[in-house]
N, C-alpha and C. Protein backbone atom coordinates (compact mmCIF):
# COMPACT_ATOMS: atom_id res chain seq x y z
N MET A 1 19.51 29.45 -45.39
CA MET A 1 18.61 28.82 -44.08
C MET A 1 17.62 28.20 -44.34
N LYS A 2 17.12 27.32 -43.95
CA LYS A 2 15.90 26.36 -43.86
C LYS A 2 15.58 25.61 -42.77
N LEU A 3 14.19 25.99 -42.61
CA LEU A 3 13.43 25.55 -41.14
C LEU A 3 12.23 25.38 -41.47
N PHE A 4 11.55 24.07 -41.20
CA PHE A 4 10.18 23.88 -41.24
C PHE A 4 9.59 23.56 -39.62
N LEU A 5 8.76 24.54 -39.11
CA LEU A 5 8.13 24.22 -37.74
C LEU A 5 6.66 23.82 -37.91
N SER A 6 6.19 22.79 -36.90
CA SER A 6 4.80 22.59 -37.04
C SER A 6 4.31 21.58 -35.74
N ASP A 7 3.38 21.38 -35.89
CA ASP A 7 3.08 20.29 -34.11
C ASP A 7 3.21 21.33 -32.96
N PHE A 8 3.00 22.36 -32.92
CA PHE A 8 3.36 23.42 -31.90
C PHE A 8 1.97 23.53 -31.62
N ASN A 9 1.74 24.08 -30.32
CA ASN A 9 0.55 24.00 -29.55
C ASN A 9 0.03 25.90 -29.88
N SER A 10 -0.74 26.01 -31.24
CA SER A 10 -1.01 27.07 -31.57
C SER A 10 -2.52 27.26 -31.80
N SER A 11 -3.28 27.88 -31.76
CA SER A 11 -4.84 28.23 -32.10
C SER A 11 -4.61 29.17 -33.20
N MET A 12 -3.61 29.57 -33.43
CA MET A 12 -3.41 30.59 -34.71
C MET A 12 -2.85 29.79 -35.64
N LEU A 13 -1.62 28.99 -35.82
CA LEU A 13 -0.74 28.92 -36.95
C LEU A 13 -0.67 27.25 -37.00
N TYR A 14 -0.46 26.83 -38.30
CA TYR A 14 -0.60 25.12 -38.39
C TYR A 14 0.98 25.21 -38.50
N SER A 15 2.07 26.02 -39.16
CA SER A 15 2.98 25.85 -39.70
C SER A 15 3.68 26.94 -40.05
N ILE A 16 5.25 26.85 -39.75
CA ILE A 16 6.02 27.88 -40.17
C ILE A 16 7.24 27.39 -41.09
N ASP A 17 7.06 27.84 -42.24
CA ASP A 17 8.53 27.21 -43.12
C ASP A 17 9.14 28.57 -43.82
N ILE A 18 10.27 28.36 -43.30
CA ILE A 18 11.53 29.25 -43.55
C ILE A 18 12.50 28.70 -44.18
N SER A 19 12.63 29.51 -45.68
CA SER A 19 13.76 29.05 -46.79
C SER A 19 14.38 30.39 -47.17
N ASP A 20 15.93 30.32 -46.84
CA ASP A 20 16.27 31.93 -47.18
C ASP A 20 15.73 32.95 -46.40
N ASN A 21 14.83 34.07 -46.83
CA ASN A 21 14.67 35.02 -46.36
C ASN A 21 13.15 35.33 -46.26
N ILE A 22 12.77 34.14 -46.62
CA ILE A 22 10.94 33.66 -46.82
C ILE A 22 10.57 33.21 -45.73
N VAL A 23 9.51 33.90 -45.03
CA VAL A 23 8.63 32.92 -44.16
C VAL A 23 7.47 32.91 -44.71
N GLU A 24 7.07 31.41 -44.46
CA GLU A 24 5.51 31.10 -45.09
C GLU A 24 5.08 30.53 -44.01
N LEU A 25 3.85 31.14 -43.78
CA LEU A 25 3.11 30.79 -42.57
C LEU A 25 1.96 30.36 -43.23
N THR A 26 1.53 29.13 -42.50
CA THR A 26 -0.23 28.31 -42.91
C THR A 26 -0.85 28.56 -41.37
N TYR A 27 -2.05 29.30 -41.76
CA TYR A 27 -3.12 29.40 -40.43
C TYR A 27 -4.05 28.30 -40.44
N ASN A 28 -4.38 27.85 -38.99
CA ASN A 28 -5.45 27.02 -38.96
C ASN A 28 -6.44 27.42 -39.48
N THR A 29 -7.02 28.46 -39.81
CA THR A 29 -8.29 28.78 -40.38
C THR A 29 -8.17 28.49 -42.01
N ASN A 30 -7.21 27.89 -42.80
CA ASN A 30 -7.01 27.89 -43.65
C ASN A 30 -5.99 27.19 -43.95
N LYS A 31 -5.89 26.01 -43.98
CA LYS A 31 -4.94 25.10 -44.17
C LYS A 31 -3.96 24.83 -45.40
N SER A 32 -4.95 25.14 -46.45
CA SER A 32 -4.82 25.05 -47.77
C SER A 32 -4.01 26.21 -48.46
N LYS A 33 -4.06 27.50 -47.78
CA LYS A 33 -3.30 28.46 -48.29
C LYS A 33 -2.32 28.82 -47.25
N VAL A 34 -1.18 29.27 -47.97
CA VAL A 34 0.38 29.64 -47.43
C VAL A 34 0.51 31.29 -47.87
N TYR A 35 0.83 31.84 -46.95
CA TYR A 35 1.14 33.50 -46.61
C TYR A 35 2.41 33.52 -46.40
N GLN A 36 3.16 34.45 -47.46
CA GLN A 36 4.44 34.84 -47.63
C GLN A 36 4.77 35.92 -47.24
N TYR A 37 6.13 35.90 -46.28
CA TYR A 37 6.35 37.30 -45.64
C TYR A 37 7.81 37.33 -45.81
N LYS A 38 8.44 38.51 -45.79
CA LYS A 38 9.81 38.86 -45.82
C LYS A 38 10.19 39.30 -44.57
N HIS A 39 10.97 39.03 -43.83
CA HIS A 39 11.80 39.56 -42.32
C HIS A 39 12.98 40.26 -42.66
N THR A 40 12.84 41.44 -41.74
CA THR A 40 13.88 42.20 -41.96
C THR A 40 15.28 41.94 -41.04
N ASN A 41 15.09 40.97 -40.20
CA ASN A 41 16.26 40.05 -39.44
C ASN A 41 15.95 38.73 -39.43
N ILE A 42 16.24 38.01 -40.38
CA ILE A 42 15.64 36.63 -40.37
C ILE A 42 16.16 35.86 -39.36
N LYS A 43 17.51 35.68 -38.97
CA LYS A 43 18.25 35.36 -38.15
C LYS A 43 17.66 35.69 -36.76
N LYS A 44 17.61 37.03 -36.32
CA LYS A 44 16.43 37.43 -35.03
C LYS A 44 15.09 36.22 -35.26
N PHE A 45 14.72 36.11 -36.56
CA PHE A 45 13.15 35.74 -36.02
C PHE A 45 13.12 34.66 -36.01
N VAL A 46 14.19 33.47 -36.45
CA VAL A 46 14.38 32.19 -36.27
C VAL A 46 14.72 32.02 -35.13
N PHE A 47 15.77 32.67 -33.98
CA PHE A 47 16.24 32.40 -32.63
C PHE A 47 14.90 32.47 -32.01
N GLU A 48 14.18 33.88 -32.32
CA GLU A 48 13.24 34.05 -31.00
C GLU A 48 11.79 33.25 -31.38
N THR A 49 11.68 32.85 -32.36
CA THR A 49 10.46 31.95 -32.57
C THR A 49 10.90 30.40 -32.03
N ILE A 50 12.10 30.06 -32.56
CA ILE A 50 12.43 28.52 -31.64
C ILE A 50 12.41 29.16 -30.10
N LEU A 51 13.19 30.09 -29.50
CA LEU A 51 12.95 30.23 -28.12
C LEU A 51 11.40 30.33 -27.30
N ILE A 52 10.61 31.04 -28.04
CA ILE A 52 9.32 31.34 -27.80
C ILE A 52 9.13 29.28 -27.47
N GLY A 53 8.89 28.93 -28.82
CA GLY A 53 8.58 27.78 -28.88
C GLY A 53 8.85 26.50 -27.75
N LEU A 54 10.38 27.08 -27.58
CA LEU A 54 10.87 26.03 -26.23
C LEU A 54 10.27 26.06 -24.87
N ASN A 55 9.94 27.79 -24.69
CA ASN A 55 9.63 27.87 -23.63
C ASN A 55 8.16 28.08 -23.33
N LYS A 56 7.44 27.57 -24.38
CA LYS A 56 5.88 27.30 -24.35
C LYS A 56 5.13 28.45 -24.23
N GLY A 57 5.54 29.31 -25.19
CA GLY A 57 4.99 30.92 -25.28
C GLY A 57 4.21 30.72 -26.44
N SER A 58 3.76 32.18 -26.53
CA SER A 58 2.51 32.54 -27.53
C SER A 58 3.51 32.26 -29.29
N ILE A 59 3.56 31.49 -30.21
CA ILE A 59 4.13 31.81 -31.50
C ILE A 59 3.09 32.77 -32.04
N GLY A 60 2.03 32.28 -32.24
CA GLY A 60 0.66 33.34 -32.63
C GLY A 60 0.81 34.65 -32.14
N LYS A 61 1.25 34.90 -31.04
CA LYS A 61 1.29 36.31 -30.56
C LYS A 61 2.53 36.91 -31.02
N TYR A 62 3.50 35.87 -31.16
CA TYR A 62 5.04 36.44 -31.67
C TYR A 62 4.49 37.20 -32.98
N ILE A 63 3.92 36.32 -33.72
CA ILE A 63 3.90 36.47 -35.23
C ILE A 63 3.09 37.94 -35.55
N THR A 64 2.04 38.00 -34.77
CA THR A 64 1.22 38.72 -34.86
C THR A 64 1.87 40.31 -34.48
N ASP A 65 2.77 40.29 -33.54
CA ASP A 65 3.78 41.11 -32.98
C ASP A 65 4.50 42.06 -34.29
N GLN A 66 4.95 40.75 -34.72
CA GLN A 66 5.92 40.96 -35.50
C GLN A 66 5.44 41.87 -36.98
N ARG A 67 4.05 41.32 -37.27
CA ARG A 67 3.34 41.93 -38.68
C ARG A 67 3.00 43.34 -38.27
N LYS A 68 2.66 43.43 -37.21
CA LYS A 68 2.17 45.00 -36.66
C LYS A 68 3.44 46.09 -36.31
N ASN A 69 4.48 45.57 -36.24
CA ASN A 69 5.79 45.95 -36.06
C ASN A 69 6.36 46.20 -37.57
N ASN A 70 6.15 45.72 -38.41
CA ASN A 70 6.33 45.97 -39.85
C ASN A 70 7.61 44.97 -39.99
N GLN A 71 7.77 44.08 -39.06
CA GLN A 71 9.19 43.05 -39.16
C GLN A 71 8.78 41.93 -40.25
N LEU A 72 8.16 41.62 -40.16
CA LEU A 72 7.11 40.55 -41.16
C LEU A 72 6.26 41.39 -42.01
N GLN A 73 6.55 41.52 -43.47
CA GLN A 73 6.29 42.34 -44.38
C GLN A 73 5.37 41.07 -45.54
N GLU A 74 4.24 41.22 -45.80
CA GLU A 74 3.47 40.15 -46.69
C GLU A 74 4.02 40.40 -48.29
N ILE A 75 4.73 39.72 -48.74
CA ILE A 75 4.82 39.83 -50.07
C ILE A 75 3.99 39.22 -51.32
């Protein structure tokens, strides 16, 4: 699975790049650094991220919650 998301209204995130089971996040605070994460259920993560984006929800809050719940684990 390959997906790249950017240009969404987020004060926290600049972009999300998903390739296979790796999620790469670039934050607005440092656009030159990419953080890599593994997700426990990548299909669910992709679905929920897109759904939140379409509903104009907070993708930043979703990412924060995923990290707190250890669904997104930094590698």
